[in-house]
Structure formats: C-alpha cells, structure tokens
PDB file of all heavy atoms in Angstrom:
ATOM      1  N   ARG A   1       2.500  -9.302  15.852  1.00  0.00           N
ATOM      2  CA  ARG A   1       2.986  -8.688  14.645  1.00  0.00           C
ATOM      3  C   ARG A   1       3.091  -7.169  14.851  1.00  0.00           C
ATOM      4  O   ARG A   1       2.124  -6.525  15.354  1.00  0.00           O
ATOM      5  CB  ARG A   1       2.065  -8.997  13.495  1.00  0.00           C
ATOM      6  CG  ARG A   1       2.633  -8.577  12.126  1.00  0.00           C
ATOM      7  CD  ARG A   1       1.805  -9.142  10.960  1.00  0.00           C
ATOM      8  NE  ARG A   1       1.807 -10.604  10.990  1.00  0.00           N
ATOM      9  CZ  ARG A   1       1.214 -11.326  10.063  1.00  0.00           C
ATOM     10  NH1 ARG A   1       0.640 -10.780   8.989  1.00  0.00           N
ATOM     11  NH2 ARG A   1       1.199 -12.665  10.130  1.00  0.00           N
ATOM     12  N   GLU A   2       4.202  -6.583  14.473  1.00  0.00           N
ATOM     13  CA  GLU A   2       4.418  -5.187  14.754  1.00  0.00           C
ATOM     14  C   GLU A   2       4.762  -4.417  13.476  1.00  0.00           C
ATOM     15  O   GLU A   2       5.392  -4.933  12.515  1.00  0.00           O
ATOM     16  CB  GLU A   2       5.527  -4.964  15.788  1.00  0.00           C
ATOM     17  CG  GLU A   2       6.898  -5.345  15.331  1.00  0.00           C
ATOM     18  CD  GLU A   2       8.023  -4.947  16.276  1.00  0.00           C
ATOM     19  OE1 GLU A   2       7.773  -4.109  17.203  1.00  0.00           O
ATOM     20  OE2 GLU A   2       9.134  -5.437  16.156  1.00  0.00           O
ATOM     21  N   PHE A   3       4.381  -3.108  13.448  1.00  0.00           N
ATOM     22  CA  PHE A   3       4.621  -2.289  12.335  1.00  0.00           C
ATOM     23  C   PHE A   3       6.139  -1.952  12.253  1.00  0.00           C
ATOM     24  O   PHE A   3       6.806  -1.691  13.251  1.00  0.00           O
ATOM     25  CB  PHE A   3       3.878  -0.971  12.524  1.00  0.00           C
ATOM     26  CG  PHE A   3       4.256   0.138  11.588  1.00  0.00           C
ATOM     27  CD1 PHE A   3       3.898   0.119  10.305  1.00  0.00           C
ATOM     28  CD2 PHE A   3       5.008   1.201  12.075  1.00  0.00           C
ATOM     29  CE1 PHE A   3       4.218   1.130   9.411  1.00  0.00           C
ATOM     30  CE2 PHE A   3       5.355   2.235  11.234  1.00  0.00           C
ATOM     31  CZ  PHE A   3       4.989   2.220   9.874  1.00  0.00           C
ATOM     32  N   VAL A   4       6.673  -1.897  11.010  1.00  0.00           N
ATOM     33  CA  VAL A   4       8.076  -1.528  10.798  1.00  0.00           C
ATOM     34  C   VAL A   4       8.182  -0.215  10.037  1.00  0.00           C
ATOM     35  O   VAL A   4       8.804   0.712  10.491  1.00  0.00           O
ATOM     36  CB  VAL A   4       8.831  -2.626  10.028  1.00  0.00           C
ATOM     37  CG1 VAL A   4      10.228  -2.113   9.708  1.00  0.00           C
ATOM     38  CG2 VAL A   4       8.851  -3.930  10.853  1.00  0.00           C
ATOM     39  N   ALA A   5       7.483  -0.100   8.902  1.00  0.00           N
ATOM     40  CA  ALA A   5       7.573   1.090   8.040  1.00  0.00           C
ATOM     41  C   ALA A   5       6.448   1.075   7.040  1.00  0.00           C
ATOM     42  O   ALA A   5       5.978   0.026   6.679  1.00  0.00           O
ATOM     43  CB  ALA A   5       8.932   1.149   7.369  1.00  0.00           C
ATOM     44  N   TYR A   6       6.141   2.271   6.524  1.00  0.00           N
ATOM     45  CA  TYR A   6       5.297   2.423   5.365  1.00  0.00           C
ATOM     46  C   TYR A   6       5.752   3.453   4.406  1.00  0.00           C
ATOM     47  O   TYR A   6       6.511   4.388   4.832  1.00  0.00           O
ATOM     48  CB  TYR A   6       3.830   2.512   5.666  1.00  0.00           C
ATOM     49  CG  TYR A   6       3.289   3.797   6.262  1.00  0.00           C
ATOM     50  CD1 TYR A   6       3.253   4.980   5.486  1.00  0.00           C
ATOM     51  CD2 TYR A   6       2.759   3.871   7.529  1.00  0.00           C
ATOM     52  CE1 TYR A   6       2.722   6.163   5.975  1.00  0.00           C
ATOM     53  CE2 TYR A   6       2.251   5.042   8.044  1.00  0.00           C
ATOM     54  CZ  TYR A   6       2.233   6.214   7.277  1.00  0.00           C
ATOM     55  OH  TYR A   6       1.711   7.316   7.787  1.00  0.00           O
ATOM     56  N   ILE A   7       5.306   3.429   3.203  1.00  0.00           N
ATOM     57  CA  ILE A   7       5.753   4.343   2.154  1.00  0.00           C
ATOM     58  C   ILE A   7       4.510   4.772   1.341  1.00  0.00           C
ATOM     59  O   ILE A   7       3.716   3.898   0.915  1.00  0.00           O
ATOM     60  CB  ILE A   7       6.908   3.836   1.260  1.00  0.00           C
ATOM     61  CG1 ILE A   7       7.380   4.866   0.276  1.00  0.00           C
ATOM     62  CG2 ILE A   7       6.441   2.546   0.601  1.00  0.00           C
ATOM     63  CD1 ILE A   7       8.662   4.505  -0.429  1.00  0.00           C
ATOM     64  N   SER A   8       4.328   6.041   1.021  1.00  0.00           N
ATOM     65  CA  SER A   8       3.213   6.494   0.266  1.00  0.00           C
ATOM     66  C   SER A   8       3.352   6.122  -1.198  1.00  0.00           C
ATOM     67  O   SER A   8       4.388   5.640  -1.632  1.00  0.00           O
ATOM     68  CB  SER A   8       3.108   8.000   0.373  1.00  0.00           C
ATOM     69  OG  SER A   8       4.224   8.659  -0.149  1.00  0.00           O
ATOM     70  N   TRP A   9       2.201   6.324  -1.956  1.00  0.00           N
ATOM     71  CA  TRP A   9       2.205   5.873  -3.347  1.00  0.00           C
ATOM     72  C   TRP A   9       3.323   6.518  -4.213  1.00  0.00           C
ATOM     73  O   TRP A   9       3.839   5.857  -5.085  1.00  0.00           O
ATOM     74  CB  TRP A   9       0.832   6.210  -3.922  1.00  0.00           C
ATOM     75  CG  TRP A   9       0.599   7.617  -4.199  1.00  0.00           C
ATOM     76  CD1 TRP A   9      -0.020   8.578  -3.391  1.00  0.00           C
ATOM     77  CD2 TRP A   9       0.918   8.381  -5.395  1.00  0.00           C
ATOM     78  NE1 TRP A   9      -0.057   9.800  -3.948  1.00  0.00           N
ATOM     79  CE2 TRP A   9       0.491   9.707  -5.202  1.00  0.00           C
ATOM     80  CE3 TRP A   9       1.490   8.018  -6.619  1.00  0.00           C
ATOM     81  CZ2 TRP A   9       0.660  10.727  -6.132  1.00  0.00           C
ATOM     82  CZ3 TRP A   9       1.658   9.023  -7.565  1.00  0.00           C
ATOM     83  CH2 TRP A   9       1.272  10.326  -7.293  1.00  0.00           C
ATOM     84  N   SER A  10       3.652   7.767  -3.934  1.00  0.00           N
ATOM     85  CA  SER A  10       4.664   8.439  -4.675  1.00  0.00           C
ATOM     86  C   SER A  10       6.053   8.203  -4.132  1.00  0.00           C
ATOM     87  O   SER A  10       7.059   8.572  -4.779  1.00  0.00           O
ATOM     88  CB  SER A  10       4.435   9.931  -4.686  1.00  0.00           C
ATOM     89  OG  SER A  10       4.578  10.523  -3.368  1.00  0.00           O
ATOM     90  N   GLY A  11       6.176   7.666  -2.961  1.00  0.00           N
ATOM     91  CA  GLY A  11       7.468   7.505  -2.295  1.00  0.00           C
ATOM     92  C   GLY A  11       7.872   8.756  -1.460  1.00  0.00           C
ATOM     93  O   GLY A  11       8.927   8.751  -0.840  1.00  0.00           O
ATOM     94  N   GLY A  12       7.070   9.794  -1.520  1.00  0.00           N
ATOM     95  CA  GLY A  12       7.384  11.038  -0.840  1.00  0.00           C
ATOM     96  C   GLY A  12       7.302  11.067   0.634  1.00  0.00           C
ATOM     97  O   GLY A  12       7.882  11.904   1.265  1.00  0.00           O
ATOM     98  N   THR A  13       6.521  10.119   1.184  1.00  0.00           N
ATOM     99  CA  THR A  13       6.312  10.076   2.617  1.00  0.00           C
ATOM    100  C   THR A  13       6.729   8.681   3.103  1.00  0.00           C
ATOM    101  O   THR A  13       6.198   7.655   2.546  1.00  0.00           O
ATOM    102  CB  THR A  13       4.829  10.327   3.054  1.00  0.00           C
ATOM    103  OG1 THR A  13       4.495  11.641   2.604  1.00  0.00           O
ATOM    104  CG2 THR A  13       4.684  10.205   4.541  1.00  0.00           C
ATOM    105  N   THR A  14       7.612   8.585   4.034  1.00  0.00           N
ATOM    106  CA  THR A  14       8.021   7.337   4.678  1.00  0.00           C
ATOM    107  C   THR A  14       7.927   7.464   6.224  1.00  0.00           C
ATOM    108  O   THR A  14       8.374   8.509   6.744  1.00  0.00           O
ATOM    109  CB  THR A  14       9.409   6.932   4.269  1.00  0.00           C
ATOM    110  OG1 THR A  14      10.387   7.975   4.595  1.00  0.00           O
ATOM    111  CG2 THR A  14       9.518   6.630   2.790  1.00  0.00           C
ATOM    112  N   ILE A  15       7.421   6.493   6.830  1.00  0.00           N
ATOM    113  CA  ILE A  15       7.253   6.457   8.271  1.00  0.00           C
ATOM    114  C   ILE A  15       7.870   5.188   8.808  1.00  0.00           C
ATOM    115  O   ILE A  15       7.646   4.091   8.258  1.00  0.00           O
ATOM    116  CB  ILE A  15       5.787   6.555   8.688  1.00  0.00           C
ATOM    117  CG1 ILE A  15       5.129   7.826   8.141  1.00  0.00           C
ATOM    118  CG2 ILE A  15       5.580   6.439  10.220  1.00  0.00           C
ATOM    119  CD1 ILE A  15       5.667   9.080   8.795  1.00  0.00           C
ATOM    120  N   TYR A  16       8.601   5.313   9.955  1.00  0.00           N
ATOM    121  CA  TYR A  16       9.266   4.166  10.573  1.00  0.00           C
ATOM    122  C   TYR A  16       8.945   4.049  12.026  1.00  0.00           C
ATOM    123  O   TYR A  16       8.755   5.064  12.712  1.00  0.00           O
ATOM    124  CB  TYR A  16      10.790   4.271  10.442  1.00  0.00           C
ATOM    125  CG  TYR A  16      11.300   4.406   9.046  1.00  0.00           C
ATOM    126  CD1 TYR A  16      11.390   5.628   8.402  1.00  0.00           C
ATOM    127  CD2 TYR A  16      11.659   3.251   8.320  1.00  0.00           C
ATOM    128  CE1 TYR A  16      11.854   5.741   7.075  1.00  0.00           C
ATOM    129  CE2 TYR A  16      12.125   3.354   7.014  1.00  0.00           C
ATOM    130  CZ  TYR A  16      12.223   4.576   6.406  1.00  0.00           C
ATOM    131  OH  TYR A  16      12.692   4.654   5.094  1.00  0.00           O
ATOM    132  N   THR A  17       8.937   2.804  12.532  1.00  0.00           N
ATOM    133  CA  THR A  17       8.860   2.644  14.001  1.00  0.00           C
ATOM    134  C   THR A  17      10.184   3.052  14.608  1.00  0.00           C
ATOM    135  O   THR A  17      11.223   2.986  13.936  1.00  0.00           O
ATOM    136  CB  THR A  17       8.523   1.184  14.331  1.00  0.00           C
ATOM    137  OG1 THR A  17       8.187   1.094  15.683  1.00  0.00           O
ATOM    138  CG2 THR A  17       9.646   0.269  14.011  1.00  0.00           C
ATOM    139  N   ASP A  18      10.157   3.542  15.821  1.00  0.00           N
ATOM    140  CA  ASP A  18      11.353   4.097  16.457  1.00  0.00           C
ATOM    141  C   ASP A  18      12.536   3.147  16.495  1.00  0.00           C
ATOM    142  O   ASP A  18      13.671   3.580  16.306  1.00  0.00           O
ATOM    143  CB  ASP A  18      11.034   4.534  17.886  1.00  0.00           C
ATOM    144  CG  ASP A  18      10.182   5.828  17.965  1.00  0.00           C
ATOM    145  OD1 ASP A  18      10.104   6.478  16.880  1.00  0.00           O
ATOM    146  OD2 ASP A  18       9.610   6.112  19.005  1.00  0.00           O
ATOM    147  N   SER A  19      12.309   1.917  16.668  1.00  0.00           N
ATOM    148  CA  SER A  19      13.395   0.928  16.865  1.00  0.00           C
ATOM    149  C   SER A  19      14.230   0.728  15.594  1.00  0.00           C
ATOM    150  O   SER A  19      15.351   0.208  15.677  1.00  0.00           O
ATOM    151  CB  SER A  19      12.861  -0.462  17.327  1.00  0.00           C
ATOM    152  OG  SER A  19      12.011  -1.031  16.392  1.00  0.00           O
ATOM    153  N   VAL A  20      13.761   1.126  14.408  1.00  0.00           N
ATOM    154  CA  VAL A  20      14.498   0.950  13.214  1.00  0.00           C
ATOM    155  C   VAL A  20      14.903   2.243  12.512  1.00  0.00           C
ATOM    156  O   VAL A  20      15.657   2.212  11.496  1.00  0.00           O
ATOM    157  CB  VAL A  20      13.685   0.072  12.152  1.00  0.00           C
ATOM    158  CG1 VAL A  20      13.227  -1.242  12.777  1.00  0.00           C
ATOM    159  CG2 VAL A  20      12.526   0.851  11.588  1.00  0.00           C
ATOM    160  N   LYS A  21      14.549   3.378  13.080  1.00  0.00           N
ATOM    161  CA  LYS A  21      14.887   4.674  12.457  1.00  0.00           C
ATOM    162  C   LYS A  21      16.428   4.783  12.411  1.00  0.00           C
ATOM    163  O   LYS A  21      17.105   4.531  13.364  1.00  0.00           O
ATOM    164  CB  LYS A  21      14.309   5.774  13.274  1.00  0.00           C
ATOM    165  CG  LYS A  21      12.814   5.978  13.122  1.00  0.00           C
ATOM    166  CD  LYS A  21      12.283   7.125  13.958  1.00  0.00           C
ATOM    167  CE  LYS A  21      10.780   7.264  13.821  1.00  0.00           C
ATOM    168  NZ  LYS A  21      10.275   8.346  14.682  1.00  0.00           N
ATOM    169  N   GLY A  22      16.881   5.238  11.253  1.00  0.00           N
ATOM    170  CA  GLY A  22      18.338   5.390  11.065  1.00  0.00           C
ATOM    171  C   GLY A  22      19.040   4.174  10.569  1.00  0.00           C
ATOM    172  O   GLY A  22      20.189   4.165  10.196  1.00  0.00           O
ATOM    173  N   ARG A  23      18.363   2.972  10.637  1.00  0.00           N
ATOM    174  CA  ARG A  23      18.921   1.715  10.207  1.00  0.00           C
ATOM    175  C   ARG A  23      18.235   1.121   8.993  1.00  0.00           C
ATOM    176  O   ARG A  23      18.893   0.515   8.133  1.00  0.00           O
ATOM    177  CB  ARG A  23      18.860   0.703  11.362  1.00  0.00           C
ATOM    178  CG  ARG A  23      19.666   1.101  12.593  1.00  0.00           C
ATOM    179  CD  ARG A  23      19.791  -0.041  13.598  1.00  0.00           C
ATOM    180  NE  ARG A  23      18.497  -0.496  14.046  1.00  0.00           N
ATOM    181  CZ  ARG A  23      18.004  -1.679  13.935  1.00  0.00           C
ATOM    182  NH1 ARG A  23      18.729  -2.655  13.333  1.00  0.00           N
ATOM    183  NH2 ARG A  23      16.807  -2.040  14.423  1.00  0.00           N
ATOM    184  N   PHE A  24      16.904   1.265   8.927  1.00  0.00           N
ATOM    185  CA  PHE A  24      16.134   0.703   7.837  1.00  0.00           C
ATOM    186  C   PHE A  24      15.668   1.802   6.887  1.00  0.00           C
ATOM    187  O   PHE A  24      15.388   2.967   7.346  1.00  0.00           O
ATOM    188  CB  PHE A  24      14.879  -0.013   8.343  1.00  0.00           C
ATOM    189  CG  PHE A  24      15.195  -1.331   9.113  1.00  0.00           C
ATOM    190  CD1 PHE A  24      16.457  -1.680   9.506  1.00  0.00           C
ATOM    191  CD2 PHE A  24      14.107  -2.122   9.425  1.00  0.00           C
ATOM    192  CE1 PHE A  24      16.688  -2.874  10.209  1.00  0.00           C
ATOM    193  CE2 PHE A  24      14.300  -3.302  10.138  1.00  0.00           C
ATOM    194  CZ  PHE A  24      15.625  -3.691  10.517  1.00  0.00           C
ATOM    195  N   THR A  25      15.522   1.482   5.619  1.00  0.00           N
ATOM    196  CA  THR A  25      15.012   2.406   4.595  1.00  0.00           C
ATOM    197  C   THR A  25      13.998   1.684   3.742  1.00  0.00           C
ATOM    198  O   THR A  25      14.305   0.639   3.130  1.00  0.00           O
ATOM    199  CB  THR A  25      16.142   2.955   3.716  1.00  0.00           C
ATOM    200  OG1 THR A  25      17.071   3.610   4.498  1.00  0.00           O
ATOM    201  CG2 THR A  25      15.525   3.984   2.724  1.00  0.00           C
ATOM    202  N   ILE A  26      12.779   2.181   3.686  1.00  0.00           N
ATOM    203  CA  ILE A  26      11.745   1.659   2.802  1.00  0.00           C
ATOM    204  C   ILE A  26      11.774   2.439   1.489  1.00  0.00           C
ATOM    205  O   ILE A  26      11.918   3.644   1.457  1.00  0.00           O
ATOM    206  CB  ILE A  26      10.369   1.675   3.474  1.00  0.00           C
ATOM    207  CG1 ILE A  26       9.333   0.904   2.641  1.00  0.00           C
ATOM    208  CG2 ILE A  26       9.880   3.068   3.763  1.00  0.00           C
ATOM    209  CD1 ILE A  26       7.995   0.672   3.343  1.00  0.00           C
ATOM    210  N   SER A  27      11.587   1.731   0.345  1.00  0.00           N
ATOM    211  CA  SER A  27      11.537   2.442  -0.953  1.00  0.00           C
ATOM    212  C   SER A  27      10.620   1.611  -1.850  1.00  0.00           C
ATOM    213  O   SER A  27      10.214   0.499  -1.490  1.00  0.00           O
ATOM    214  CB  SER A  27      12.955   2.577  -1.528  1.00  0.00           C
ATOM    215  OG  SER A  27      13.534   1.305  -1.741  1.00  0.00           O
ATOM    216  N   ARG A  28      10.317   2.203  -3.000  1.00  0.00           N
ATOM    217  CA  ARG A  28       9.485   1.457  -3.984  1.00  0.00           C
ATOM    218  C   ARG A  28       9.880   1.835  -5.409  1.00  0.00           C
ATOM    219  O   ARG A  28      10.392   2.921  -5.624  1.00  0.00           O
ATOM    220  CB  ARG A  28       8.000   1.738  -3.729  1.00  0.00           C
ATOM    221  CG  ARG A  28       7.559   3.152  -3.965  1.00  0.00           C
ATOM    222  CD  ARG A  28       6.148   3.389  -3.399  1.00  0.00           C
ATOM    223  NE  ARG A  28       5.185   2.592  -4.034  1.00  0.00           N
ATOM    224  CZ  ARG A  28       3.935   2.291  -3.516  1.00  0.00           C
ATOM    225  NH1 ARG A  28       3.619   2.871  -2.305  1.00  0.00           N
ATOM    226  NH2 ARG A  28       3.067   1.544  -4.129  1.00  0.00           N
ATOM    227  N   ASP A  29       9.610   0.914  -6.285  1.00  0.00           N
ATOM    228  CA  ASP A  29       9.837   1.086  -7.688  1.00  0.00           C
ATOM    229  C   ASP A  29       8.488   0.748  -8.356  1.00  0.00           C
ATOM    230  O   ASP A  29       8.213  -0.472  -8.602  1.00  0.00           O
ATOM    231  CB  ASP A  29      10.956   0.258  -8.256  1.00  0.00           C
ATOM    232  CG  ASP A  29      11.246   0.503  -9.679  1.00  0.00           C
ATOM    233  OD1 ASP A  29      10.417   1.049 -10.422  1.00  0.00           O
ATOM    234  OD2 ASP A  29      12.400   0.177 -10.140  1.00  0.00           O
ATOM    235  N   ASN A  30       7.669   1.722  -8.682  1.00  0.00           N
ATOM    236  CA  ASN A  30       6.337   1.448  -9.182  1.00  0.00           C
ATOM    237  C   ASN A  30       6.373   0.795 -10.545  1.00  0.00           C
ATOM    238  O   ASN A  30       5.459   0.069 -10.876  1.00  0.00           O
ATOM    239  CB  ASN A  30       5.486   2.732  -9.152  1.00  0.00           C
ATOM    240  CG  ASN A  30       5.121   3.211  -7.791  1.00  0.00           C
ATOM    241  OD1 ASN A  30       5.127   2.401  -6.848  1.00  0.00           O
ATOM    242  ND2 ASN A  30       4.790   4.459  -7.647  1.00  0.00           N
ATOM    243  N   ALA A  31       7.366   1.135 -11.371  1.00  0.00           N
ATOM    244  CA  ALA A  31       7.487   0.521 -12.645  1.00  0.00           C
ATOM    245  C   ALA A  31       7.657  -1.004 -12.572  1.00  0.00           C
ATOM    246  O   ALA A  31       7.305  -1.755 -13.481  1.00  0.00           O
ATOM    247  CB  ALA A  31       8.602   1.140 -13.459  1.00  0.00           C
ATOM    248  N   LYS A  32       8.251  -1.442 -11.464  1.00  0.00           N
ATOM    249  CA  LYS A  32       8.534  -2.863 -11.221  1.00  0.00           C
ATOM    250  C   LYS A  32       7.464  -3.485 -10.272  1.00  0.00           C
ATOM    251  O   LYS A  32       7.603  -4.659  -9.925  1.00  0.00           O
ATOM    252  CB  LYS A  32       9.853  -3.140 -10.717  1.00  0.00           C
ATOM    253  CG  LYS A  32      10.984  -2.739 -11.662  1.00  0.00           C
ATOM    254  CD  LYS A  32      12.370  -3.041 -11.113  1.00  0.00           C
ATOM    255  CE  LYS A  32      13.455  -2.703 -12.064  1.00  0.00           C
ATOM    256  NZ  LYS A  32      14.808  -3.016 -11.545  1.00  0.00           N
ATOM    257  N   ASN A  33       6.511  -2.656  -9.808  1.00  0.00           N
ATOM    258  CA  ASN A  33       5.536  -3.155  -8.838  1.00  0.00           C
ATOM    259  C   ASN A  33       6.220  -3.798  -7.612  1.00  0.00           C
ATOM    260  O   ASN A  33       5.786  -4.819  -7.147  1.00  0.00           O
ATOM    261  CB  ASN A  33       4.570  -4.128  -9.440  1.00  0.00           C
ATOM    262  CG  ASN A  33       3.480  -3.463 -10.285  1.00  0.00           C
ATOM    263  OD1 ASN A  33       3.337  -2.231 -10.327  1.00  0.00           O
ATOM    264  ND2 ASN A  33       2.691  -4.241 -10.981  1.00  0.00           N
ATOM    265  N   THR A  34       7.256  -3.131  -7.126  1.00  0.00           N
ATOM    266  CA  THR A  34       8.061  -3.722  -6.035  1.00  0.00           C
ATOM    267  C   THR A  34       8.294  -2.675  -4.931  1.00  0.00           C
ATOM    268  O   THR A  34       8.618  -1.502  -5.220  1.00  0.00           O
ATOM    269  CB  THR A  34       9.408  -4.215  -6.608  1.00  0.00           C
ATOM    270  OG1 THR A  34       9.110  -5.235  -7.603  1.00  0.00           O
ATOM    271  CG2 THR A  34      10.207  -4.883  -5.505  1.00  0.00           C
ATOM    272  N   VAL A  35       8.251  -3.120  -3.683  1.00  0.00           N
ATOM    273  CA  VAL A  35       8.645  -2.330  -2.547  1.00  0.00           C
ATOM    274  C   VAL A  35       9.818  -2.993  -1.853  1.00  0.00           C
ATOM    275  O   VAL A  35       9.882  -4.245  -1.843  1.00  0.00           O
ATOM    276  CB  VAL A  35       7.429  -2.102  -1.586  1.00  0.00           C
ATOM    277  CG1 VAL A  35       6.933  -3.392  -1.032  1.00  0.00           C
ATOM    278  CG2 VAL A  35       7.817  -1.133  -0.464  1.00  0.00           C
ATOM    279  N   TYR A  36      10.686  -2.220  -1.321  1.00  0.00           N
ATOM    280  CA  TYR A  36      11.934  -2.753  -0.758  1.00  0.00           C
ATOM    281  C   TYR A  36      12.069  -2.330   0.706  1.00  0.00           C
ATOM    282  O   TYR A  36      11.521  -1.275   1.136  1.00  0.00           O
ATOM    283  CB  TYR A  36      13.202  -2.243  -1.483  1.00  0.00           C
ATOM    284  CG  TYR A  36      13.175  -2.533  -2.939  1.00  0.00           C
ATOM    285  CD1 TYR A  36      12.747  -1.561  -3.893  1.00  0.00           C
ATOM    286  CD2 TYR A  36      13.600  -3.754  -3.469  1.00  0.00           C
ATOM    287  CE1 TYR A  36      12.725  -1.857  -5.246  1.00  0.00           C
ATOM    288  CE2 TYR A  36      13.596  -4.063  -4.764  1.00  0.00           C
ATOM    289  CZ  TYR A  36      13.171  -3.068  -5.642  1.00  0.00           C
ATOM    290  OH  TYR A  36      13.163  -3.322  -7.027  1.00  0.00           O
ATOM    291  N   LEU A  37      12.808  -3.117   1.478  1.00  0.00           N
ATOM    292  CA  LEU A  37      13.192  -2.709   2.816  1.00  0.00           C
ATOM    293  C   LEU A  37      14.709  -2.955   2.957  1.00  0.00           C
ATOM    294  O   LEU A  37      15.142  -4.129   3.038  1.00  0.00           O
ATOM    295  CB  LEU A  37      12.418  -3.497   3.925  1.00  0.00           C
ATOM    296  CG  LEU A  37      12.705  -2.992   5.315  1.00  0.00           C
ATOM    297  CD1 LEU A  37      12.080  -1.628   5.583  1.00  0.00           C
ATOM    298  CD2 LEU A  37      12.084  -4.029   6.309  1.00  0.00           C
ATOM    299  N   GLN A  38      15.475  -1.924   2.943  1.00  0.00           N
ATOM    300  CA  GLN A  38      16.934  -1.994   3.092  1.00  0.00           C
ATOM    301  C   GLN A  38      17.207  -1.982   4.628  1.00  0.00           C
ATOM    302  O   GLN A  38      16.822  -1.022   5.298  1.00  0.00           O
ATOM    303  CB  GLN A  38      17.694  -0.885   2.437  1.00  0.00           C
ATOM    304  CG  GLN A  38      19.162  -0.899   2.693  1.00  0.00           C
ATOM    305  CD  GLN A  38      19.847  -2.033   2.014  1.00  0.00           C
ATOM    306  OE1 GLN A  38      19.596  -2.353   0.864  1.00  0.00           O
ATOM    307  NE2 GLN A  38      20.779  -2.680   2.745  1.00  0.00           N
ATOM    308  N   MET A  39      17.834  -2.999   5.166  1.00  0.00           N
ATOM    309  CA  MET A  39      18.089  -3.111   6.560  1.00  0.00           C
ATOM    310  C   MET A  39      19.627  -3.161   6.811  1.00  0.00           C
ATOM    311  O   MET A  39      20.312  -4.061   6.388  1.00  0.00           O
ATOM    312  CB  MET A  39      17.447  -4.418   7.108  1.00  0.00           C
ATOM    313  CG  MET A  39      15.942  -4.517   6.866  1.00  0.00           C
ATOM    314  SD  MET A  39      15.165  -6.003   7.624  1.00  0.00           S
ATOM    315  CE  MET A  39      16.029  -7.300   6.743  1.00  0.00           C
ATOM    316  N   ASN A  40      20.067  -2.139   7.560  1.00  0.00           N
ATOM    317  CA  ASN A  40      21.487  -2.056   7.910  1.00  0.00           C
ATOM    318  C   ASN A  40      21.696  -2.125   9.412  1.00  0.00           C
ATOM    319  O   ASN A  40      20.718  -1.983  10.172  1.00  0.00           O
ATOM    320  CB  ASN A  40      22.053  -0.693   7.394  1.00  0.00           C
ATOM    321  CG  ASN A  40      21.983  -0.576   5.903  1.00  0.00           C
ATOM    322  OD1 ASN A  40      22.104  -1.544   5.147  1.00  0.00           O
ATOM    323  ND2 ASN A  40      21.749   0.702   5.427  1.00  0.00           N
ATOM    324  N   SER A  41      22.891  -2.395   9.806  1.00  0.00           N
ATOM    325  CA  SER A  41      23.257  -2.476  11.247  1.00  0.00           C
ATOM    326  C   SER A  41      22.274  -3.403  11.992  1.00  0.00           C
ATOM    327  O   SER A  41      21.757  -3.082  13.034  1.00  0.00           O
ATOM    328  CB  SER A  41      23.272  -1.119  11.869  1.00  0.00           C
ATOM    329  OG  SER A  41      24.197  -0.285  11.224  1.00  0.00           O
TER     330      SER A  41
END
C-alpha cells in the first residue's frame, strides 16, 4: 500500500506523491464530512 496524497484540516496544505503531481487533486468539504480525490490523465 502506497501513499497518494493528504490534506490538512483547513485544506490549506496538500501533499502528493511524485507520481501523481499535476494529475491528481485532493480536496475536502468539511460541511459534508467528505474528502475527494480528483484524478485526471
């Protein structure tokens, strides 16, 4: 199992593994208690 991305509680800090940088975007909607991973290309 390998790390892909993480996002801080506020959404202000996002970290990605090198292989997905520029293609994937992590985000969150705290009002909905939901975190997302948008995967492109």
